Amino acid sequence: MMQAFFENASEELLGKLEKQIPIRKFAESIDVANGILFLASDESKMITGTELVIDGGLSAQ
């Protein structure tokens, strides 16, 4: 669904949306995959019962 949106949206609209994200770029699938890999790794052994939000800071505004 999102892929169709990005394929059909104008460059102007995409630029406006991207400017609303604090880090000024859209997340890519690798960004989500890296979060999953982190949670599955030993480095996250003390993390329990939390959400890992991967949105470039959009929800923190």
Protein backbone atom coordinates (compact mmCIF):
# COMPACT_ATOMS: atom_id res chain seq x y z
CA MET A 1 0.00 0.00 0.00
CA MET A 2 2.70 2.50 0.93
CA GLN A 3 4.77 1.51 -2.10
CA ALA A 4 1.88 2.48 -4.38
CA PHE A 5 1.58 5.82 -2.57
CA PHE A 6 5.26 6.64 -3.04
CA GLU A 7 5.23 5.52 -6.67
CA ASN A 8 2.23 7.73 -7.50
CA ALA A 9 2.93 10.80 -5.37
CA SER A 10 4.37 13.92 -6.97
CA GLU A 11 7.90 15.07 -6.15
CA GLU A 12 6.40 18.21 -4.65
CA LEU A 13 4.19 16.23 -2.25
CA LEU A 14 7.04 13.89 -1.29
CA GLY A 15 9.27 16.89 -0.59
CA LYS A 16 6.66 18.48 1.67
CA LEU A 17 6.14 15.24 3.58
CA GLU A 18 9.87 14.65 3.96
CA LYS A 19 10.35 18.13 5.45
CA GLN A 20 7.96 17.19 8.28
CA ILE A 21 10.31 14.40 9.43
CA PRO A 22 12.96 15.73 11.84
CA ILE A 23 15.85 13.86 10.15
CA ARG A 24 14.50 14.96 6.74
CA LYS A 25 14.35 11.53 5.08
CA PHE A 26 11.91 8.68 4.74
CA ALA A 27 12.65 5.37 6.44
CA GLU A 28 13.69 2.48 4.24
CA SER A 29 13.06 -1.21 4.82
CA ILE A 30 16.69 -1.64 5.94
CA ASP A 31 16.02 0.82 8.79
CA VAL A 32 13.25 -1.43 10.12
CA ALA A 33 15.38 -4.55 9.53
CA ASN A 34 18.23 -3.02 11.55
CA GLY A 35 15.86 -2.39 14.45
CA ILE A 36 14.70 -6.00 14.34
CA LEU A 37 18.28 -7.26 14.20
CA PHE A 38 19.16 -5.12 17.21
CA LEU A 39 16.25 -6.47 19.25
CA ALA A 40 17.23 -10.03 18.30
CA SER A 41 20.87 -9.47 19.29
CA ASP A 42 22.66 -9.84 22.62
CA GLU A 43 23.05 -6.05 22.75
CA SER A 44 19.35 -5.75 23.59
CA LYS A 45 19.33 -8.38 26.36
CA MET A 46 18.21 -5.85 28.99
CA ILE A 47 15.39 -4.39 26.89
CA THR A 48 11.96 -5.74 27.82
CA GLY A 49 8.41 -4.58 27.26
CA THR A 50 9.08 -1.56 25.11
CA GLU A 51 8.33 -0.28 21.63
CA LEU A 52 11.06 0.60 19.17
CA VAL A 53 9.68 3.45 17.08
CA ILE A 54 11.45 3.77 13.73
CA ASP A 55 10.06 7.00 12.29
CA GLY A 56 12.94 9.47 12.08
CA GLY A 57 11.63 11.40 15.07
CA LEU A 58 8.21 12.14 13.54
CA SER A 59 6.25 10.90 16.57
CA ALA A 60 8.43 12.91 18.99
CA GLN A 61 7.27 16.26 17.60
